[in-house]
Amino acid sequence: MEIKRHEQEKILSHAVEYGNTVYLAGIVAKDLTRGVKGQTEEILGEIDRLLAIAGSNKSRILSATIWLTDIRNRPAMNEAWSAWIDTRNLPARACVEAKLADPGMLVEIALVAAK
């Protein structure tokens, strides 16, 4: 089986396809002036774009891992997530508190989806 790598940078590919599975790297917002909900909305838009490039969509997400710099921001993140996710096809999900690479980053999301 062929491995397809999308949007490679110096240290990672933003999306990788192998067989009928799509793996997305941890996605963070570019606009770090926004709050948790705004950063989450931006990330979810980027996830939509990357999944489309790989021939998938949010209804095909198998699992998601979400990192928050402050777990108390979970309700704001969940507000954006709940407005976006396909409620008929909910993925397995983990949400944990973690320090992120830049202090302005409030949320990061990585996921695996079927094609």
PDB file of N, CA and C in Angstrom:
ATOM      1  N   MET A   1       0.832  -1.187   0.000  1.00  0.00           N
ATOM      2  CA  MET A   1       0.000   0.000   0.000  1.00  0.00           C
ATOM      3  C   MET A   1       0.871   1.242   0.000  1.00  0.00           C
ATOM      4  N   GLU A   2       0.404   2.219  -0.706  1.00  0.00           N
ATOM      5  CA  GLU A   2       1.121   3.488  -0.810  1.00  0.00           C
ATOM      6  C   GLU A   2       0.812   4.378   0.393  1.00  0.00           C
ATOM      7  N   ILE A   3       1.807   5.115   0.836  1.00  0.00           N
ATOM      8  CA  ILE A   3       1.623   6.136   1.871  1.00  0.00           C
ATOM      9  C   ILE A   3       1.622   7.485   1.170  1.00  0.00           C
ATOM     10  N   LYS A   4       0.584   8.284   1.401  1.00  0.00           N
ATOM     11  CA  LYS A   4       0.503   9.639   0.838  1.00  0.00           C
ATOM     12  C   LYS A   4       0.657  10.630   1.982  1.00  0.00           C
ATOM     13  N   ARG A   5       1.570  11.575   1.792  1.00  0.00           N
ATOM     14  CA  ARG A   5       1.814  12.602   2.808  1.00  0.00           C
ATOM     15  C   ARG A   5       1.406  13.961   2.231  1.00  0.00           C
ATOM     16  N   HIS A   6       0.610  14.686   2.986  1.00  0.00           N
ATOM     17  CA  HIS A   6       0.097  15.978   2.535  1.00  0.00           C
ATOM     18  C   HIS A   6       0.687  17.112   3.366  1.00  0.00           C
ATOM     19  N   GLU A   7       1.054  18.167   2.676  1.00  0.00           N
ATOM     20  CA  GLU A   7       1.519  19.404   3.314  1.00  0.00           C
ATOM     21  C   GLU A   7       2.675  19.130   4.282  1.00  0.00           C
ATOM     22  N   GLN A   8       3.732  18.571   3.724  1.00  0.00           N
ATOM     23  CA  GLN A   8       4.928  18.296   4.524  1.00  0.00           C
ATOM     24  C   GLN A   8       5.663  19.590   4.845  1.00  0.00           C
ATOM     25  N   GLU A   9       6.138  19.660   6.056  1.00  0.00           N
ATOM     26  CA  GLU A   9       6.981  20.758   6.499  1.00  0.00           C
ATOM     27  C   GLU A   9       8.306  20.168   6.967  1.00  0.00           C
ATOM     28  N   LYS A  10       9.099  20.968   7.586  1.00  0.00           N
ATOM     29  CA  LYS A  10      10.431  20.535   8.005  1.00  0.00           C
ATOM     30  C   LYS A  10      10.399  19.316   8.930  1.00  0.00           C
ATOM     31  N   ILE A  11       9.430  19.257   9.848  1.00  0.00           N
ATOM     32  CA  ILE A  11       9.426  18.173  10.837  1.00  0.00           C
ATOM     33  C   ILE A  11       8.188  17.279  10.800  1.00  0.00           C
ATOM     34  N   LEU A  12       7.202  17.569   9.951  1.00  0.00           N
ATOM     35  CA  LEU A  12       5.981  16.763   9.958  1.00  0.00           C
ATOM     36  C   LEU A  12       5.187  16.918   8.674  1.00  0.00           C
ATOM     37  N   SER A  13       4.248  15.998   8.488  1.00  0.00           N
ATOM     38  CA  SER A  13       3.217  16.121   7.457  1.00  0.00           C
ATOM     39  C   SER A  13       1.922  16.444   8.193  1.00  0.00           C
ATOM     40  N   HIS A  14       1.122  17.323   7.643  1.00  0.00           N
ATOM     41  CA  HIS A  14      -0.130  17.689   8.316  1.00  0.00           C
ATOM     42  C   HIS A  14      -1.178  16.593   8.209  1.00  0.00           C
ATOM     43  N   ALA A  15      -1.121  15.806   7.139  1.00  0.00           N
ATOM     44  CA  ALA A  15      -2.030  14.674   6.972  1.00  0.00           C
ATOM     45  C   ALA A  15      -1.273  13.551   6.279  1.00  0.00           C
ATOM     46  N   VAL A  16      -1.554  12.320   6.705  1.00  0.00           N
ATOM     47  CA  VAL A  16      -0.941  11.146   6.095  1.00  0.00           C
ATOM     48  C   VAL A  16      -2.046  10.134   5.843  1.00  0.00           C
ATOM     49  N   GLU A  17      -2.049   9.598   4.632  1.00  0.00           N
ATOM     50  CA  GLU A  17      -2.996   8.545   4.265  1.00  0.00           C
ATOM     51  C   GLU A  17      -2.241   7.228   4.143  1.00  0.00           C
ATOM     52  N   TYR A  18      -2.840   6.191   4.695  1.00  0.00           N
ATOM     53  CA  TYR A  18      -2.309   4.846   4.516  1.00  0.00           C
ATOM     54  C   TYR A  18      -3.503   3.908   4.446  1.00  0.00           C
ATOM     55  N   GLY A  19      -3.650   3.220   3.332  1.00  0.00           N
ATOM     56  CA  GLY A  19      -4.830   2.388   3.152  1.00  0.00           C
ATOM     57  C   GLY A  19      -6.072   3.249   3.190  1.00  0.00           C
ATOM     58  N   ASN A  20      -7.005   2.855   4.017  1.00  0.00           N
ATOM     59  CA  ASN A  20      -8.256   3.607   4.144  1.00  0.00           C
ATOM     60  C   ASN A  20      -8.298   4.438   5.415  1.00  0.00           C
ATOM     61  N   THR A  21      -7.109   4.822   5.896  1.00  0.00           N
ATOM     62  CA  THR A  21      -7.038   5.597   7.133  1.00  0.00           C
ATOM     63  C   THR A  21      -6.284   6.897   6.906  1.00  0.00           C
ATOM     64  N   VAL A  22      -6.765   7.959   7.545  1.00  0.00           N
ATOM     65  CA  VAL A  22      -6.150   9.282   7.468  1.00  0.00           C
ATOM     66  C   VAL A  22      -5.736   9.690   8.872  1.00  0.00           C
ATOM     67  N   TYR A  23      -4.496  10.125   8.994  1.00  0.00           N
ATOM     68  CA  TYR A  23      -3.956  10.581  10.274  1.00  0.00           C
ATOM     69  C   TYR A  23      -3.654  12.064  10.154  1.00  0.00           C
ATOM     70  N   LEU A  24      -4.198  12.862  11.052  1.00  0.00           N
ATOM     71  CA  LEU A  24      -3.889  14.295  11.070  1.00  0.00           C
ATOM     72  C   LEU A  24      -2.955  14.595  12.232  1.00  0.00           C
ATOM     73  N   ALA A  25      -1.952  15.417  11.960  1.00  0.00           N
ATOM     74  CA  ALA A  25      -1.045  15.896  13.005  1.00  0.00           C
ATOM     75  C   ALA A  25      -1.836  16.771  13.970  1.00  0.00           C
ATOM     76  N   GLY A  26      -1.234  17.086  15.096  1.00  0.00           N
ATOM     77  CA  GLY A  26      -1.857  18.030  16.010  1.00  0.00           C
ATOM     78  C   GLY A  26      -2.013  19.377  15.324  1.00  0.00           C
ATOM     79  N   ILE A  27      -3.233  19.873  15.285  1.00  0.00           N
ATOM     80  CA  ILE A  27      -3.549  21.133  14.613  1.00  0.00           C
ATOM     81  C   ILE A  27      -3.767  22.205  15.676  1.00  0.00           C
ATOM     82  N   VAL A  28      -3.126  23.346  15.483  1.00  0.00           N
ATOM     83  CA  VAL A  28      -3.296  24.496  16.372  1.00  0.00           C
ATOM     84  C   VAL A  28      -3.751  25.693  15.538  1.00  0.00           C
ATOM     85  N   ALA A  29      -4.295  26.670  16.206  1.00  0.00           N
ATOM     86  CA  ALA A  29      -4.747  27.887  15.529  1.00  0.00           C
ATOM     87  C   ALA A  29      -3.555  28.741  15.115  1.00  0.00           C
ATOM     88  N   LYS A  30      -3.733  29.484  14.052  1.00  0.00           N
ATOM     89  CA  LYS A  30      -2.722  30.466  13.637  1.00  0.00           C
ATOM     90  C   LYS A  30      -2.968  31.797  14.325  1.00  0.00           C
ATOM     91  N   ASP A  31      -4.254  32.120  14.539  1.00  0.00           N
ATOM     92  CA  ASP A  31      -4.616  33.374  15.198  1.00  0.00           C
ATOM     93  C   ASP A  31      -4.690  33.131  16.704  1.00  0.00           C
ATOM     94  N   LEU A  32      -3.598  33.417  17.388  1.00  0.00           N
ATOM     95  CA  LEU A  32      -3.518  33.158  18.821  1.00  0.00           C
ATOM     96  C   LEU A  32      -4.119  34.276  19.666  1.00  0.00           C
ATOM     97  N   THR A  33      -4.709  35.286  19.019  1.00  0.00           N
ATOM     98  CA  THR A  33      -5.375  36.350  19.758  1.00  0.00           C
ATOM     99  C   THR A  33      -6.794  35.945  20.142  1.00  0.00           C
ATOM    100  N   ARG A  34      -7.292  34.868  19.559  1.00  0.00           N
ATOM    101  CA  ARG A  34      -8.651  34.414  19.841  1.00  0.00           C
ATOM    102  C   ARG A  34      -8.659  33.574  21.111  1.00  0.00           C
ATOM    103  N   GLY A  35      -9.807  33.507  21.738  1.00  0.00           N
ATOM    104  CA  GLY A  35      -9.974  32.676  22.921  1.00  0.00           C
ATOM    105  C   GLY A  35     -10.071  31.207  22.538  1.00  0.00           C
ATOM    106  N   VAL A  36     -10.343  30.362  23.525  1.00  0.00           N
ATOM    107  CA  VAL A  36     -10.397  28.918  23.291  1.00  0.00           C
ATOM    108  C   VAL A  36     -11.459  28.567  22.247  1.00  0.00           C
ATOM    109  N   LYS A  37     -12.637  29.119  22.356  1.00  0.00           N
ATOM    110  CA  LYS A  37     -13.698  28.799  21.391  1.00  0.00           C
ATOM    111  C   LYS A  37     -13.277  29.219  19.987  1.00  0.00           C
ATOM    112  N   GLY A  38     -12.746  30.410  19.843  1.00  0.00           N
ATOM    113  CA  GLY A  38     -12.317  30.894  18.528  1.00  0.00           C
ATOM    114  C   GLY A  38     -11.179  30.071  17.960  1.00  0.00           C
ATOM    115  N   GLN A  39     -10.201  29.725  18.806  1.00  0.00           N
ATOM    116  CA  GLN A  39      -9.105  28.878  18.330  1.00  0.00           C
ATOM    117  C   GLN A  39      -9.633  27.505  17.922  1.00  0.00           C
ATOM    118  N   THR A  40     -10.556  26.956  18.692  1.00  0.00           N
ATOM    119  CA  THR A  40     -11.134  25.654  18.350  1.00  0.00           C
ATOM    120  C   THR A  40     -11.865  25.729  17.022  1.00  0.00           C
ATOM    121  N   GLU A  41     -12.653  26.767  16.808  1.00  0.00           N
ATOM    122  CA  GLU A  41     -13.366  26.928  15.534  1.00  0.00           C
ATOM    123  C   GLU A  41     -12.394  26.986  14.362  1.00  0.00           C
ATOM    124  N   GLU A  42     -11.296  27.720  14.521  1.00  0.00           N
ATOM    125  CA  GLU A  42     -10.287  27.799  13.464  1.00  0.00           C
ATOM    126  C   GLU A  42      -9.675  26.420  13.199  1.00  0.00           C
ATOM    127  N   ILE A  43      -9.348  25.707  14.252  1.00  0.00           N
ATOM    128  CA  ILE A  43      -8.761  24.371  14.117  1.00  0.00           C
ATOM    129  C   ILE A  43      -9.731  23.433  13.408  1.00  0.00           C
ATOM    130  N   LEU A  44     -10.994  23.472  13.774  1.00  0.00           N
ATOM    131  CA  LEU A  44     -11.979  22.589  13.157  1.00  0.00           C
ATOM    132  C   LEU A  44     -12.141  22.888  11.668  1.00  0.00           C
ATOM    133  N   GLY A  45     -12.045  24.143  11.284  1.00  0.00           N
ATOM    134  CA  GLY A  45     -12.065  24.498   9.865  1.00  0.00           C
ATOM    135  C   GLY A  45     -10.865  23.919   9.134  1.00  0.00           C
ATOM    136  N   GLU A  46      -9.709  23.953   9.773  1.00  0.00           N
ATOM    137  CA  GLU A  46      -8.497  23.376   9.184  1.00  0.00           C
ATOM    138  C   GLU A  46      -8.611  21.851   9.097  1.00  0.00           C
ATOM    139  N   ILE A  47      -9.223  21.237  10.086  1.00  0.00           N
ATOM    140  CA  ILE A  47      -9.457  19.794  10.040  1.00  0.00           C
ATOM    141  C   ILE A  47     -10.359  19.448   8.860  1.00  0.00           C
ATOM    142  N   ASP A  48     -11.433  20.206   8.669  1.00  0.00           N
ATOM    143  CA  ASP A  48     -12.308  19.989   7.497  1.00  0.00           C
ATOM    144  C   ASP A  48     -11.500  20.038   6.210  1.00  0.00           C
ATOM    145  N   ARG A  49     -10.646  21.036   6.081  1.00  0.00           N
ATOM    146  CA  ARG A  49      -9.847  21.208   4.864  1.00  0.00           C
ATOM    147  C   ARG A  49      -8.889  20.037   4.652  1.00  0.00           C
ATOM    148  N   LEU A  50      -8.185  19.637   5.698  1.00  0.00           N
ATOM    149  CA  LEU A  50      -7.223  18.545   5.568  1.00  0.00           C
ATOM    150  C   LEU A  50      -7.909  17.208   5.300  1.00  0.00           C
ATOM    151  N   LEU A  51      -9.032  16.956   5.959  1.00  0.00           N
ATOM    152  CA  LEU A  51      -9.758  15.720   5.689  1.00  0.00           C
ATOM    153  C   LEU A  51     -10.235  15.669   4.243  1.00  0.00           C
ATOM    154  N   ALA A  52     -10.703  16.785   3.710  1.00  0.00           N
ATOM    155  CA  ALA A  52     -11.150  16.826   2.315  1.00  0.00           C
ATOM    156  C   ALA A  52     -10.006  16.519   1.359  1.00  0.00           C
ATOM    157  N   ILE A  53      -8.836  17.062   1.621  1.00  0.00           N
ATOM    158  CA  ILE A  53      -7.664  16.787   0.785  1.00  0.00           C
ATOM    159  C   ILE A  53      -7.379  15.284   0.756  1.00  0.00           C
ATOM    160  N   ALA A  54      -7.580  14.621   1.889  1.00  0.00           N
ATOM    161  CA  ALA A  54      -7.289  13.194   2.003  1.00  0.00           C
ATOM    162  C   ALA A  54      -8.479  12.307   1.630  1.00  0.00           C
ATOM    163  N   GLY A  55      -9.566  12.906   1.172  1.00  0.00           N
ATOM    164  CA  GLY A  55     -10.723  12.129   0.738  1.00  0.00           C
ATOM    165  C   GLY A  55     -11.614  11.649   1.870  1.00  0.00           C
ATOM    166  N   SER A  56     -11.689  12.429   2.944  1.00  0.00           N
ATOM    167  CA  SER A  56     -12.520  12.053   4.085  1.00  0.00           C
ATOM    168  C   SER A  56     -13.304  13.270   4.557  1.00  0.00           C
ATOM    169  N   ASN A  57     -14.012  13.115   5.669  1.00  0.00           N
ATOM    170  CA  ASN A  57     -14.753  14.234   6.260  1.00  0.00           C
ATOM    171  C   ASN A  57     -15.039  13.915   7.729  1.00  0.00           C
ATOM    172  N   LYS A  58     -15.606  14.867   8.436  1.00  0.00           N
ATOM    173  CA  LYS A  58     -15.792  14.725   9.875  1.00  0.00           C
ATOM    174  C   LYS A  58     -16.717  13.578  10.269  1.00  0.00           C
ATOM    175  N   SER A  59     -17.582  13.113   9.384  1.00  0.00           N
ATOM    176  CA  SER A  59     -18.440  11.973   9.707  1.00  0.00           C
ATOM    177  C   SER A  59     -17.650  10.666   9.758  1.00  0.00           C
ATOM    178  N   ARG A  60     -16.396  10.693   9.305  1.00  0.00           N
ATOM    179  CA  ARG A  60     -15.550   9.503   9.231  1.00  0.00           C
ATOM    180  C   ARG A  60     -14.461   9.486  10.317  1.00  0.00           C
ATOM    181  N   ILE A  61     -14.499  10.464  11.239  1.00  0.00           N
ATOM    182  CA  ILE A  61     -13.482  10.517  12.301  1.00  0.00           C
ATOM    183  C   ILE A  61     -13.654   9.312  13.223  1.00  0.00           C
ATOM    184  N   LEU A  62     -12.545   8.616  13.461  1.00  0.00           N
ATOM    185  CA  LEU A  62     -12.547   7.456  14.349  1.00  0.00           C
ATOM    186  C   LEU A  62     -12.194   7.844  15.780  1.00  0.00           C
ATOM    187  N   SER A  63     -11.158   8.674  15.925  1.00  0.00           N
ATOM    188  CA  SER A  63     -10.746   9.106  17.256  1.00  0.00           C
ATOM    189  C   SER A  63     -10.128  10.493  17.188  1.00  0.00           C
ATOM    190  N   ALA A  64     -10.253  11.198  18.290  1.00  0.00           N
ATOM    191  CA  ALA A  64      -9.678  12.543  18.392  1.00  0.00           C
ATOM    192  C   ALA A  64      -9.021  12.682  19.756  1.00  0.00           C
ATOM    193  N   THR A  65      -7.898  13.383  19.769  1.00  0.00           N
ATOM    194  CA  THR A  65      -7.226  13.741  21.018  1.00  0.00           C
ATOM    195  C   THR A  65      -7.151  15.256  21.069  1.00  0.00           C
ATOM    196  N   ILE A  66      -7.613  15.806  22.164  1.00  0.00           N
ATOM    197  CA  ILE A  66      -7.660  17.257  22.339  1.00  0.00           C
ATOM    198  C   ILE A  66      -6.841  17.617  23.568  1.00  0.00           C
ATOM    199  N   TRP A  67      -5.932  18.567  23.371  1.00  0.00           N
ATOM    200  CA  TRP A  67      -5.127  19.077  24.478  1.00  0.00           C
ATOM    201  C   TRP A  67      -5.540  20.508  24.755  1.00  0.00           C
ATOM    202  N   LEU A  68      -5.784  20.830  26.010  1.00  0.00           N
ATOM    203  CA  LEU A  68      -6.105  22.184  26.460  1.00  0.00           C
ATOM    204  C   LEU A  68      -5.041  22.627  27.456  1.00  0.00           C
ATOM    205  N   THR A  69      -4.625  23.882  27.370  1.00  0.00           N
ATOM    206  CA  THR A  69      -3.642  24.376  28.335  1.00  0.00           C
ATOM    207  C   THR A  69      -4.254  24.550  29.723  1.00  0.00           C
ATOM    208  N   ASP A  70      -5.572  24.684  29.760  1.00  0.00           N
ATOM    209  CA  ASP A  70      -6.283  24.817  31.030  1.00  0.00           C
ATOM    210  C   ASP A  70      -7.590  24.043  30.896  1.00  0.00           C
ATOM    211  N   ILE A  71      -7.730  22.955  31.621  1.00  0.00           N
ATOM    212  CA  ILE A  71      -8.904  22.092  31.498  1.00  0.00           C
ATOM    213  C   ILE A  71     -10.198  22.838  31.846  1.00  0.00           C
ATOM    214  N   ARG A  72     -10.081  23.952  32.550  1.00  0.00           N
ATOM    215  CA  ARG A  72     -11.275  24.754  32.849  1.00  0.00           C
ATOM    216  C   ARG A  72     -11.859  25.378  31.586  1.00  0.00           C
ATOM    217  N   ASN A  73     -11.096  25.366  30.485  1.00  0.00           N
ATOM    218  CA  ASN A  73     -11.592  25.882  29.207  1.00  0.00           C
ATOM    219  C   ASN A  73     -12.356  24.826  28.400  1.00  0.00           C
ATOM    220  N   ARG A  74     -12.527  23.648  28.983  1.00  0.00           N
ATOM    221  CA  ARG A  74     -13.218  22.562  28.282  1.00  0.00           C
ATOM    222  C   ARG A  74     -14.633  22.946  27.827  1.00  0.00           C
ATOM    223  N   PRO A  75     -15.448  23.626  28.652  1.00  0.00           N
ATOM    224  CA  PRO A  75     -16.787  23.985  28.186  1.00  0.00           C
ATOM    225  C   PRO A  75     -16.773  24.879  26.938  1.00  0.00           C
ATOM    226  N   ALA A  76     -15.875  25.839  26.863  1.00  0.00           N
ATOM    227  CA  ALA A  76     -15.792  26.718  25.684  1.00  0.00           C
ATOM    228  C   ALA A  76     -15.347  25.929  24.454  1.00  0.00           C
ATOM    229  N   MET A  77     -14.381  25.034  24.636  1.00  0.00           N
ATOM    230  CA  MET A  77     -13.941  24.195  23.529  1.00  0.00           C
ATOM    231  C   MET A  77     -15.082  23.282  23.086  1.00  0.00           C
ATOM    232  N   ASN A  78     -15.774  22.676  24.059  1.00  0.00           N
ATOM    233  CA  ASN A  78     -16.883  21.777  23.734  1.00  0.00           C
ATOM    234  C   ASN A  78     -18.020  22.489  23.014  1.00  0.00           C
ATOM    235  N   GLU A  79     -18.202  23.758  23.287  1.00  0.00           N
ATOM    236  CA  GLU A  79     -19.245  24.526  22.595  1.00  0.00           C
ATOM    237  C   GLU A  79     -18.958  24.555  21.094  1.00  0.00           C
ATOM    238  N   ALA A  80     -17.715  24.847  20.732  1.00  0.00           N
ATOM    239  CA  ALA A  80     -17.328  24.853  19.311  1.00  0.00           C
ATOM    240  C   ALA A  80     -17.368  23.438  18.741  1.00  0.00           C
ATOM    241  N   TRP A  81     -16.834  22.477  19.475  1.00  0.00           N
ATOM    242  CA  TRP A  81     -16.809  21.077  19.025  1.00  0.00           C
ATOM    243  C   TRP A  81     -18.227  20.571  18.756  1.00  0.00           C
ATOM    244  N   SER A  82     -19.142  20.808  19.706  1.00  0.00           N
ATOM    245  CA  SER A  82     -20.512  20.310  19.592  1.00  0.00           C
ATOM    246  C   SER A  82     -21.264  20.932  18.427  1.00  0.00           C
ATOM    247  N   ALA A  83     -20.975  22.193  18.120  1.00  0.00           N
ATOM    248  CA  ALA A  83     -21.611  22.857  16.978  1.00  0.00           C
ATOM    249  C   ALA A  83     -21.081  22.306  15.657  1.00  0.00           C
ATOM    250  N   TRP A  84     -19.884  21.736  15.664  1.00  0.00           N
ATOM    251  CA  TRP A  84     -19.220  21.275  14.438  1.00  0.00           C
ATOM    252  C   TRP A  84     -19.368  19.781  14.175  1.00  0.00           C
ATOM    253  N   ILE A  85     -19.250  18.948  15.190  1.00  0.00           N
ATOM    254  CA  ILE A  85     -19.145  17.504  15.004  1.00  0.00           C
ATOM    255  C   ILE A  85     -20.446  16.917  14.450  1.00  0.00           C
ATOM    256  N   ASP A  86     -20.318  15.844  13.684  1.00  0.00           N
ATOM    257  CA  ASP A  86     -21.474  15.105  13.170  1.00  0.00           C
ATOM    258  C   ASP A  86     -22.012  14.258  14.326  1.00  0.00           C
ATOM    259  N   THR A  87     -23.125  14.670  14.901  1.00  0.00           N
ATOM    260  CA  THR A  87     -23.646  14.010  16.104  1.00  0.00           C
ATOM    261  C   THR A  87     -24.147  12.594  15.845  1.00  0.00           C
ATOM    262  N   ARG A  88     -24.336  12.219  14.589  1.00  0.00           N
ATOM    263  CA  ARG A  88     -24.732  10.841  14.261  1.00  0.00           C
ATOM    264  C   ARG A  88     -23.517   9.922  14.170  1.00  0.00           C
ATOM    265  N   ASN A  89     -22.321  10.507  14.133  1.00  0.00           N
ATOM    266  CA  ASN A  89     -21.095   9.733  13.961  1.00  0.00           C
ATOM    267  C   ASN A  89     -20.013  10.235  14.913  1.00  0.00           C
ATOM    268  N   LEU A  90     -20.267  10.140  16.194  1.00  0.00           N
ATOM    269  CA  LEU A  90     -19.323  10.654  17.187  1.00  0.00           C
ATOM    270  C   LEU A  90     -18.093   9.750  17.288  1.00  0.00           C
ATOM    271  N   PRO A  91     -16.903  10.345  17.293  1.00  0.00           N
ATOM    272  CA  PRO A  91     -15.677   9.550  17.429  1.00  0.00           C
ATOM    273  C   PRO A  91     -15.369   9.237  18.891  1.00  0.00           C
ATOM    274  N   ALA A  92     -14.448   8.309  19.089  1.00  0.00           N
ATOM    275  CA  ALA A  92     -13.844   8.160  20.412  1.00  0.00           C
ATOM    276  C   ALA A  92     -13.035   9.435  20.638  1.00  0.00           C
ATOM    277  N   ARG A  93     -12.940   9.897  21.884  1.00  0.00           N
ATOM    278  CA  ARG A  93     -12.269  11.181  22.117  1.00  0.00           C
ATOM    279  C   ARG A  93     -11.633  11.222  23.486  1.00  0.00           C
ATOM    280  N   ALA A  94     -10.468  11.854  23.547  1.00  0.00           N
ATOM    281  CA  ALA A  94      -9.811  12.149  24.816  1.00  0.00           C
ATOM    282  C   ALA A  94      -9.568  13.647  24.871  1.00  0.00           C
ATOM    283  N   CYS A  95      -9.696  14.214  26.053  1.00  0.00           N
ATOM    284  CA  CYS A  95      -9.429  15.644  26.245  1.00  0.00           C
ATOM    285  C   CYS A  95      -8.629  15.779  27.533  1.00  0.00           C
ATOM    286  N   VAL A  96      -7.416  16.304  27.404  1.00  0.00           N
ATOM    287  CA  VAL A  96      -6.520  16.391  28.556  1.00  0.00           C
ATOM    288  C   VAL A  96      -5.887  17.777  28.651  1.00  0.00           C
ATOM    289  N   GLU A  97      -5.424  18.102  29.825  1.00  0.00           N
ATOM    290  CA  GLU A  97      -4.693  19.344  30.046  1.00  0.00           C
ATOM    291  C   GLU A  97      -3.212  19.108  29.785  1.00  0.00           C
ATOM    292  N   ALA A  98      -2.599  20.030  29.047  1.00  0.00           N
ATOM    293  CA  ALA A  98      -1.171  19.904  28.737  1.00  0.00           C
ATOM    294  C   ALA A  98      -0.598  21.271  28.403  1.00  0.00           C
ATOM    295  N   LYS A  99       0.695  21.418  28.636  1.00  0.00           N
ATOM    296  CA  LYS A  99       1.413  22.617  28.214  1.00  0.00           C
ATOM    297  C   LYS A  99       1.666  22.471  26.709  1.00  0.00           C
ATOM    298  N   LEU A 100       1.377  23.516  25.938  1.00  0.00           N
ATOM    299  CA  LEU A 100       1.594  23.478  24.492  1.00  0.00           C
ATOM    300  C   LEU A 100       2.848  24.264  24.119  1.00  0.00           C
ATOM    301  N   ALA A 101       3.271  24.149  22.873  1.00  0.00           N
ATOM    302  CA  ALA A 101       4.553  24.692  22.418  1.00  0.00           C
ATOM    303  C   ALA A 101       4.662  26.211  22.536  1.00  0.00           C
ATOM    304  N   ASP A 102       3.553  26.916  22.402  1.00  0.00           N
ATOM    305  CA  ASP A 102       3.542  28.378  22.467  1.00  0.00           C
ATOM    306  C   ASP A 102       2.529  28.788  23.530  1.00  0.00           C
ATOM    307  N   PRO A 103       2.855  29.726  24.399  1.00  0.00           N
ATOM    308  CA  PRO A 103       1.923  30.116  25.460  1.00  0.00           C
ATOM    309  C   PRO A 103       0.593  30.672  24.937  1.00  0.00           C
ATOM    310  N   GLY A 104       0.576  31.159  23.695  1.00  0.00           N
ATOM    311  CA  GLY A 104      -0.666  31.668  23.116  1.00  0.00           C
ATOM    312  C   GLY A 104      -1.591  30.583  22.610  1.00  0.00           C
ATOM    313  N   MET A 105      -1.050  29.387  22.408  1.00  0.00           N
ATOM    314  CA  MET A 105      -1.867  28.254  21.964  1.00  0.00           C
ATOM    315  C   MET A 105      -2.685  27.761  23.146  1.00  0.00           C
ATOM    316  N   LEU A 106      -3.984  27.687  22.972  1.00  0.00           N
ATOM    317  CA  LEU A 106      -4.870  27.266  24.050  1.00  0.00           C
ATOM    318  C   LEU A 106      -5.426  25.868  23.843  1.00  0.00           C
ATOM    319  N   VAL A 107      -5.415  25.397  22.591  1.00  0.00           N
ATOM    320  CA  VAL A 107      -5.988  24.093  22.260  1.00  0.00           C
ATOM    321  C   VAL A 107      -5.247  23.504  21.063  1.00  0.00           C
ATOM    322  N   GLU A 108      -5.122  22.195  21.055  1.00  0.00           N
ATOM    323  CA  GLU A 108      -4.539  21.457  19.933  1.00  0.00           C
ATOM    324  C   GLU A 108      -5.360  20.193  19.737  1.00  0.00           C
ATOM    325  N   ILE A 109      -5.630  19.825  18.468  1.00  0.00           N
ATOM    326  CA  ILE A 109      -6.447  18.644  18.179  1.00  0.00           C
ATOM    327  C   ILE A 109      -5.723  17.794  17.133  1.00  0.00           C
ATOM    328  N   ALA A 110      -5.625  16.493  17.413  1.00  0.00           N
ATOM    329  CA  ALA A 110      -5.120  15.512  16.457  1.00  0.00           C
ATOM    330  C   ALA A 110      -6.193  14.448  16.297  1.00  0.00           C
ATOM    331  N   LEU A 111      -6.245  13.837  15.108  1.00  0.00           N
ATOM    332  CA  LEU A 111      -7.270  12.813  14.937  1.00  0.00           C
ATOM    333  C   LEU A 111      -6.895  11.781  13.882  1.00  0.00           C
ATOM    334  N   VAL A 112      -7.671  10.710  13.901  1.00  0.00           N
ATOM    335  CA  VAL A 112      -7.571   9.625  12.926  1.00  0.00           C
ATOM    336  C   VAL A 112      -8.953   9.452  12.331  1.00  0.00           C
ATOM    337  N   ALA A 113      -9.018   9.310  11.004  1.00  0.00           N
ATOM    338  CA  ALA A 113     -10.304   9.151  10.329  1.00  0.00           C
ATOM    339  C   ALA A 113     -10.212   8.045   9.275  1.00  0.00           C
ATOM    340  N   ALA A 114     -11.345   7.467   8.963  1.00  0.00           N
ATOM    341  CA  ALA A 114     -11.444   6.539   7.845  1.00  0.00           C
ATOM    342  C   ALA A 114     -11.655   7.341   6.572  1.00  0.00           C
ATOM    343  N   LYS A 115     -11.245   6.751   5.451  1.00  0.00           N
ATOM    344  CA  LYS A 115     -11.491   7.411   4.160  1.00  0.00           C
ATOM    345  C   LYS A 115     -12.905   7.134   3.710  1.00  0.00           C
TER     346      LYS A 115
END
